[in-house]
Protein backbone atom coordinates (compact mmCIF):
# COMPACT_ATOMS: atom_id res chain seq x y z
CA MET A 1 -9.96 10.07 -34.44
CA SER A 2 -13.62 9.78 -33.43
CA THR A 3 -14.69 9.51 -29.82
CA THR A 4 -17.89 8.37 -28.14
CA ARG A 5 -19.26 9.86 -24.95
CA TRP A 6 -21.05 7.85 -22.24
CA SER A 7 -22.63 9.26 -19.11
CA ASN A 8 -21.11 8.28 -15.77
CA ASP A 9 -24.17 6.47 -14.45
CA ALA A 10 -25.39 2.88 -14.38
CA ALA A 11 -26.84 2.99 -17.90
CA GLY A 12 -23.76 4.68 -19.36
CA CYS A 13 -21.39 2.23 -17.69
CA ASP A 14 -23.40 -0.71 -19.03
CA LYS A 15 -23.17 0.70 -22.56
CA LEU A 16 -19.41 1.18 -22.11
CA ALA A 17 -19.00 -2.42 -21.00
CA ILE A 18 -20.76 -3.60 -24.18
CA ALA A 19 -18.72 -1.32 -26.46
CA VAL A 20 -15.22 -2.34 -25.27
CA ALA A 21 -13.58 -5.74 -25.15
CA SER A 22 -9.96 -5.30 -24.04
CA LEU A 23 -8.00 -3.33 -21.46
CA VAL A 24 -9.67 -0.07 -20.43
CA VAL A 25 -7.49 2.68 -18.94
CA VAL A 26 -9.14 5.39 -16.84
CA GLU A 27 -7.70 8.23 -14.81
CA ALA A 28 -8.09 8.32 -11.04
CA THR A 29 -10.58 11.12 -10.33
CA GLY A 30 -11.16 10.99 -6.60
CA GLY A 31 -13.51 8.01 -6.70
CA CYS A 32 -15.63 9.03 -9.69
CA GLU A 33 -13.91 6.29 -11.70
CA MET A 34 -15.00 3.47 -9.38
CA ARG A 35 -18.46 2.99 -10.94
CA LYS A 36 -16.93 2.46 -14.37
CA ALA A 37 -14.15 0.24 -13.03
CA ARG A 38 -16.49 -2.05 -11.10
CA THR A 39 -18.97 -2.35 -13.99
CA LEU A 40 -16.22 -3.25 -16.45
CA MET A 41 -14.60 -5.74 -14.08
CA ALA A 42 -17.97 -7.39 -13.47
CA ALA A 43 -18.21 -7.85 -17.24
CA GLY A 44 -14.78 -9.54 -17.30
CA ILE A 45 -12.93 -6.57 -18.82
CA ALA A 46 -9.48 -5.64 -17.52
CA VAL A 47 -9.24 -2.15 -16.03
CA ALA A 48 -6.20 -0.01 -15.24
CA VAL A 49 -6.55 3.11 -13.09
CA VAL A 50 -3.62 5.48 -13.68
CA ASN A 51 -2.39 8.66 -12.08
CA PRO A 52 -3.60 11.71 -14.06
CA ARG A 53 -0.18 13.33 -13.62
CA GLN A 54 1.43 10.50 -15.57
CA VAL A 55 -1.00 10.97 -18.46
CA ARG A 56 -0.47 14.73 -18.48
CA ASP A 57 3.32 14.33 -18.43
CA PHE A 58 2.98 11.85 -21.29
CA ALA A 59 0.98 14.44 -23.24
CA ARG A 60 3.58 17.15 -22.58
CA ALA A 61 6.35 14.80 -23.68
CA GLY A 62 4.53 14.48 -27.00
CA GLY A 63 4.00 18.21 -27.33
CA ARG A 64 0.26 18.11 -26.52
CA LEU A 65 -0.20 21.14 -24.30
CA ALA A 66 -3.93 21.67 -24.91
CA LYS A 67 -6.42 19.98 -22.61
CA THR A 68 -9.95 19.14 -23.70
CA ASP A 69 -12.10 16.02 -23.38
CA GLN A 70 -11.24 15.07 -26.96
CA VAL A 71 -7.50 15.59 -26.40
CA ASP A 72 -7.59 13.74 -23.08
CA ALA A 73 -9.29 10.72 -24.67
CA GLU A 74 -6.67 10.58 -27.44
CA VAL A 75 -3.78 10.99 -25.00
CA ILE A 76 -5.09 8.26 -22.69
CA LEU A 77 -5.43 5.92 -25.69
CA HIS A 78 -1.84 6.59 -26.78
CA PHE A 79 -0.67 6.24 -23.18
CA ALA A 80 -2.40 2.87 -22.85
CA LYS A 81 -0.84 1.56 -26.08
CA ALA A 82 2.65 2.81 -25.23
CA MET A 83 2.85 2.06 -21.50
CA ARG A 84 0.46 -0.90 -21.11
CA PRO A 85 -0.34 -0.13 -17.46
CA ALA A 86 -1.05 -3.05 -15.18
CA GLN A 87 -4.67 -3.86 -14.48
CA ILE A 88 -5.97 -3.37 -10.96
CA HIS A 89 -6.93 -6.21 -8.65
CA HIS A 90 -10.55 -7.24 -8.32
CA ILE A 91 -12.50 -4.71 -6.24
CA ASP A 92 -15.00 -6.41 -3.94
CA ASP A 93 -17.66 -4.74 -1.82
CA GLY A 94 -15.95 -5.73 1.43
CA ARG A 95 -12.69 -4.01 0.57
CA ILE A 96 -14.49 -0.89 -0.63
CA ALA A 97 -16.42 -0.68 2.65
CA LEU A 98 -13.25 -1.21 4.66
CA ALA A 99 -11.36 1.40 2.62
CA ALA A 100 -14.16 3.90 3.23
CA LEU A 101 -13.99 3.27 6.98
CA VAL A 102 -10.21 3.66 6.98
CA ALA A 103 -10.44 6.91 4.98
CA ARG A 104 -13.10 8.24 7.34
CA ARG A 105 -10.93 7.37 10.33
CA ARG A 106 -8.05 9.31 8.79
CA GLN A 107 -10.32 12.33 8.32
CA LEU A 108 -11.50 12.16 11.93
CA ILE A 109 -7.85 12.28 13.02
CA ASP A 110 -6.78 15.10 10.67
CA VAL A 111 -9.70 17.50 11.19
CA PRO A 112 -9.38 17.86 15.01
CA VAL A 113 -5.77 19.03 14.60
CA ALA A 114 -6.95 22.36 13.19
CA GLU A 115 -9.51 22.71 15.97
CA LYS A 116 -6.89 22.07 18.64
CA ASN A 117 -4.65 24.73 17.08
CA ARG A 118 -7.48 27.26 17.36
CA LEU A 119 -7.70 26.72 21.12
CA GLU A 120 -4.56 28.78 21.69
CA HIS A 121 -6.23 32.08 20.79
CA ALA A 122 -9.88 31.17 21.34
CA SER A 123 -11.98 32.90 23.97
CA ALA A 124 -13.64 30.90 26.74
CA ASP A 125 -16.96 30.77 24.90
CA ILE A 126 -15.38 29.62 21.63
CA ALA A 127 -13.15 27.14 23.46
CA ALA A 128 -16.27 25.49 24.92
CA PHE A 129 -17.64 24.95 21.40
CA ILE A 130 -14.28 23.55 20.26
CA TYR A 131 -14.11 21.11 23.17
CA GLU A 132 -17.65 19.98 22.40
CA LEU A 133 -16.68 19.39 18.77
CA LEU A 134 -13.53 17.51 19.77
CA ALA A 135 -15.58 15.25 22.06
CA SER A 136 -17.91 14.53 19.16
CA PHE A 137 -14.95 13.63 16.93
CA LYS A 138 -13.61 11.29 19.60
CA ALA A 139 -16.96 9.53 19.94
CA HIS A 140 -17.19 9.10 16.18
CA LEU A 141 -13.62 7.75 16.10
CA ILE A 142 -14.55 5.07 18.64
CA ARG A 143 -17.53 4.06 16.49
CA ILE A 144 -15.34 3.91 13.39
CA ASP A 145 -12.78 1.70 15.15
CA THR A 146 -15.57 -0.63 16.28
CA ALA A 147 -16.93 -0.82 12.73
CA ILE A 148 -13.46 -1.56 11.34
CA GLU A 149 -12.91 -4.41 13.79
CA ALA A 150 -16.33 -5.86 12.94
CA GLU A 151 -15.77 -5.67 9.17
CA PRO A 152 -15.98 -9.22 7.74
CA ASP A 153 -13.10 -8.59 5.34
CA MET A 154 -10.80 -8.06 8.35
CA ALA A 155 -11.29 -11.51 9.87
CA GLY A 156 -9.35 -13.59 7.35
CA ARG A 157 -6.11 -11.62 7.20
CA ARG A 158 -6.06 -9.57 10.39
CA ASN A 159 -4.72 -12.35 12.61
CA LEU A 160 -1.88 -13.03 10.18
CA LEU A 161 -0.91 -9.36 10.10
CA LEU A 162 -1.18 -8.97 13.86
CA SER A 163 1.30 -11.83 14.32
CA VAL A 164 4.06 -9.54 12.98
CA PRO A 165 5.65 -7.42 15.76
CA GLY A 166 4.74 -3.75 15.38
CA ILE A 167 1.48 -4.29 13.47
CA GLY A 168 -1.65 -3.22 15.34
CA GLU A 169 -5.37 -3.17 14.59
CA THR A 170 -5.30 0.17 12.76
CA THR A 171 -2.24 -0.65 10.66
CA ALA A 172 -3.71 -4.04 9.77
CA ALA A 173 -6.93 -2.38 8.56
CA ILE A 174 -4.96 0.10 6.43
CA LEU A 175 -2.84 -2.68 4.90
CA ILE A 176 -5.90 -4.78 4.04
CA ALA A 177 -7.86 -1.85 2.61
CA GLU A 178 -5.12 -0.03 0.68
CA LEU A 179 -2.54 -2.68 -0.17
CA PRO A 180 -4.30 -5.57 -1.93
CA GLU A 181 -1.04 -6.30 -3.76
CA LEU A 182 0.58 -7.56 -0.54
CA GLY A 183 2.00 -11.04 -1.14
CA SER A 184 1.55 -10.93 -4.92
CA ILE A 185 4.42 -8.65 -6.03
CA ASP A 186 8.15 -8.74 -5.37
CA ASP A 187 9.80 -6.84 -2.54
CA LYS A 188 11.32 -4.06 -4.67
CA LYS A 189 8.00 -3.23 -6.32
CA LEU A 190 6.29 -3.27 -2.94
CA ALA A 191 8.86 -0.84 -1.51
CA ALA A 192 8.30 1.52 -4.45
CA LEU A 193 4.52 1.16 -4.10
CA ILE A 194 4.65 2.17 -0.44
CA GLY A 195 7.24 4.87 -1.10
CA VAL A 196 10.18 3.59 0.97
CA ALA A 197 12.55 2.83 -1.93
CA PRO A 198 15.47 5.30 -2.22
CA MET A 199 15.45 6.97 -5.63
CA ALA A 200 18.80 7.46 -7.35
CA HIS A 201 19.84 10.96 -8.40
CA ASP A 202 23.01 10.40 -10.43
CA SER A 203 24.40 12.03 -13.54
CA GLY A 204 27.79 11.15 -15.00
CA ALA A 205 30.39 11.28 -12.24
CA MET A 206 27.97 13.03 -9.88
CA ARG A 207 26.34 10.81 -7.28
CA GLY A 208 23.45 12.64 -5.69
CA GLN A 209 21.85 11.87 -2.37
CA ARG A 210 19.07 9.32 -2.53
CA HIS A 211 15.64 10.15 -1.14
CA ILE A 212 12.40 8.22 -0.88
CA GLY A 213 9.45 9.56 -2.82
CA GLY A 214 6.12 8.70 -4.41
CA GLY A 215 4.04 5.76 -3.31
CA ARG A 216 0.90 5.68 -1.20
CA SER A 217 1.27 8.21 1.58
CA ALA A 218 -1.37 6.69 3.87
CA LEU A 219 0.45 3.35 3.82
CA ARG A 220 3.79 5.04 4.43
CA ARG A 221 2.47 6.91 7.46
CA ALA A 222 0.96 3.75 8.93
CA LEU A 223 4.13 1.75 8.30
CA TYR A 224 6.22 4.50 9.90
CA MET A 225 4.32 4.17 13.19
CA ALA A 226 4.48 0.37 12.92
CA ALA A 227 8.26 0.54 12.42
CA LEU A 228 8.65 2.73 15.51
CA SER A 229 6.70 0.16 17.50
CA ALA A 230 8.71 -2.72 16.03
CA ILE A 231 11.98 -1.00 16.92
CA ARG A 232 10.84 -0.97 20.55
CA CYS A 233 9.27 -4.44 20.80
CA SER A 234 10.99 -6.63 18.19
CA THR A 235 14.51 -7.88 18.92
CA THR A 236 15.24 -8.38 15.23
CA THR A 237 14.16 -4.88 14.22
CA THR A 238 15.88 -3.32 17.26
CA THR A 239 19.16 -5.03 16.40
CA PHE A 240 18.84 -3.97 12.78
CA TYR A 241 18.07 -0.35 13.68
CA THR A 242 20.86 -0.15 16.25
CA ARG A 243 23.42 -1.58 13.84
CA LEU A 244 22.59 1.03 11.22
CA CYS A 245 22.88 3.84 13.77
CA ASP A 246 26.19 2.43 15.03
CA VAL A 247 27.74 2.69 11.56
CA GLY A 248 26.76 6.36 11.30
CA LYS A 249 23.35 6.30 9.61
CA PRO A 250 21.01 9.12 10.64
CA PRO A 251 18.12 7.90 12.82
CA LYS A 252 15.50 8.80 10.21
CA VAL A 253 17.37 6.82 7.53
CA ALA A 254 17.53 3.84 9.89
CA ILE A 255 13.78 4.13 10.56
CA VAL A 256 13.00 4.15 6.83
CA ALA A 257 15.21 1.09 6.40
CA ALA A 258 13.27 -0.59 9.22
CA MET A 259 10.03 0.32 7.42
CA ARG A 260 11.26 -1.40 4.29
CA LYS A 261 12.41 -4.41 6.30
CA LEU A 262 8.98 -4.66 7.90
CA ALA A 263 7.28 -4.40 4.51
CA THR A 264 9.49 -7.19 3.17
CA ILE A 265 8.61 -9.48 6.08
CA LEU A 266 4.92 -8.77 5.53
CA ASN A 267 5.28 -9.50 1.82
CA THR A 268 7.01 -12.83 2.44
CA THR A 269 3.75 -14.53 3.33
CA GLN A 270 1.02 -15.31 0.82
CA TRP A 271 -2.07 -13.76 2.39
CA ALA A 272 -4.68 -15.46 0.20
CA GLU A 273 -7.25 -17.56 2.01
CA PRO A 274 -6.48 -21.30 1.52
CA ARG A 275 -9.02 -23.58 -0.09
CA ARG A 276 -10.42 -26.46 1.95
CA THR A 277 -9.44 -29.51 -0.12
CA ARG A 278 -7.77 -32.83 0.54
CA VAL A 279 -4.22 -33.91 -0.05
CA ALA A 280 -4.28 -37.68 0.33
CA SER A 281 -2.41 -40.66 -1.00
CA GLY A 282 -5.54 -42.75 -1.40
CA PRO A 283 -9.00 -42.18 -2.83
CA SER A 284 -11.24 -39.57 -1.29
CA THR A 285 -13.65 -40.82 1.34
CA GLY A 286 -15.45 -37.54 2.06
CA SER A 287 -13.53 -36.94 5.31
CA ASP A 288 -10.04 -35.91 6.39
CA GLU A 289 -9.11 -39.46 7.44
CA GLY A 290 -6.07 -40.73 5.58
CA GLY A 291 -5.22 -37.27 4.27
CA VAL A 292 -4.33 -33.75 5.31
CA SER A 293 -6.38 -30.70 4.40
CA CYS A 294 -4.75 -27.97 2.33
CA GLU A 295 -5.82 -25.54 5.02
CA LEU A 296 -3.58 -27.28 7.56
CA VAL A 297 -0.75 -27.51 5.03
CA ALA A 298 -1.13 -23.78 4.30
CA LYS A 299 -0.98 -22.96 8.00
CA LEU A 300 2.16 -25.04 8.47
CA ALA A 301 3.73 -23.46 5.39
CA LEU A 302 2.78 -20.04 6.74
CA MET A 303 4.62 -20.77 10.00
CA VAL A 304 7.70 -22.02 8.13
CA ARG A 305 7.76 -19.00 5.81
CA ALA A 306 7.34 -16.58 8.69
CA ARG A 307 10.25 -18.21 10.53
CA ARG A 308 12.36 -18.09 7.36
CA ALA A 309 11.46 -14.43 6.83
CA VAL A 310 12.65 -13.52 10.31
CA ALA A 311 15.75 -15.72 9.98
CA ASN A 312 16.67 -14.22 6.61
CA HIS A 313 16.45 -10.75 8.04
CA GLU A 314 18.29 -11.47 11.28
CA GLY A 315 21.43 -10.14 9.67
CA GLY A 316 19.63 -7.02 8.57
CA PHE A 317 18.25 -5.67 5.34
CA PRO A 318 20.17 -6.42 2.13
CA LEU A 319 22.83 -3.75 2.06
CA THR A 320 25.32 -2.56 -0.49
CA GLN A 321 28.74 -0.98 -0.22
CA PRO A 322 29.74 1.83 -0.12
CA GLY A 323 28.57 5.39 0.43
CA THR A 324 32.07 6.82 0.15
CA ALA A 325 32.93 5.78 -3.41
CA LYS A 326 31.24 8.87 -4.83
CA ARG A 327 33.93 11.01 -3.20
CA GLY A 328 36.74 9.08 -4.86
CA ARG A 329 37.82 7.34 -1.64
CA ARG A 330 38.06 3.64 -0.97
CA PRO A 331 35.21 2.01 0.93
CA ILE A 332 35.42 2.25 4.67
CA PRO A 333 35.16 -1.23 6.21
CA GLY A 334 31.82 -1.64 7.90
CA SER A 335 30.29 1.32 6.02
CA TRP A 336 26.99 0.35 4.40
CA THR A 337 24.12 2.15 2.73
CA CYS A 338 20.60 1.01 2.01
CA PRO A 339 20.03 0.14 -1.65
């Protein structure tokens, strides 16, 4: 199999866009793949960005233990043909800028933790430098928050997200920047994407304990804090959480179930911006007289769907019986486990 090499710059990406015509699969390489992905998408070519671990596991499954550029290209080609990974959503400049601000905010929160830990054994002189650095981090964090709130891409969807109890400004920014699939995939796929779906660990008669895993860790951390807030301020989530604890679920399991419930409510609404067109029974007159704009219809539908989402979840998250069958006993009435 022959391979062709292109440089990862503007000229090389343009040549790549001319040479290919179908789905292009690239590995996620810490952002180095974004130039290629955006150039190909601008040319109307579908792009899929996959986890390098999946490609490497696929190579090992086929007995390919060596790793070179030539081998990697062949393995990615075979992986693309066998697995047909889904193409990514369109990447616009606004979402990239917002994602960069959100990532920078996360860094400004993580880095000061190490500096605060050093204060315990630091001398007075060193402690003064640390406090000065921490003050600088705090000032930068305020600037980042201001920039996030002023980001144009936040305006359209932020108010819809903030209407859900437990969702704040920071969580809304993270959801917009890192979860473009919100509203376009089903609830089970969304739970797996975030990493709040319990993974089965069964074999024969053995029924192992289910744990969450995988997914996007930044989203999961943000949704965890949002769920804690919703448990305190939302009657529906509080009732749901309390009911799980009353039937013997550990608090952390109940919190994860509340996270999944919150994600499902968020996913119930279609977050796309409505188009401003007319829905009228008569001919168009160039105004909204005699008809109703789709924007108004979309807003009314949004309110109805939000009410339905809350009503559907009043009884709690979809639950299955039982957790005791794996021990050979009959189900205990009222004993439920999250799916």
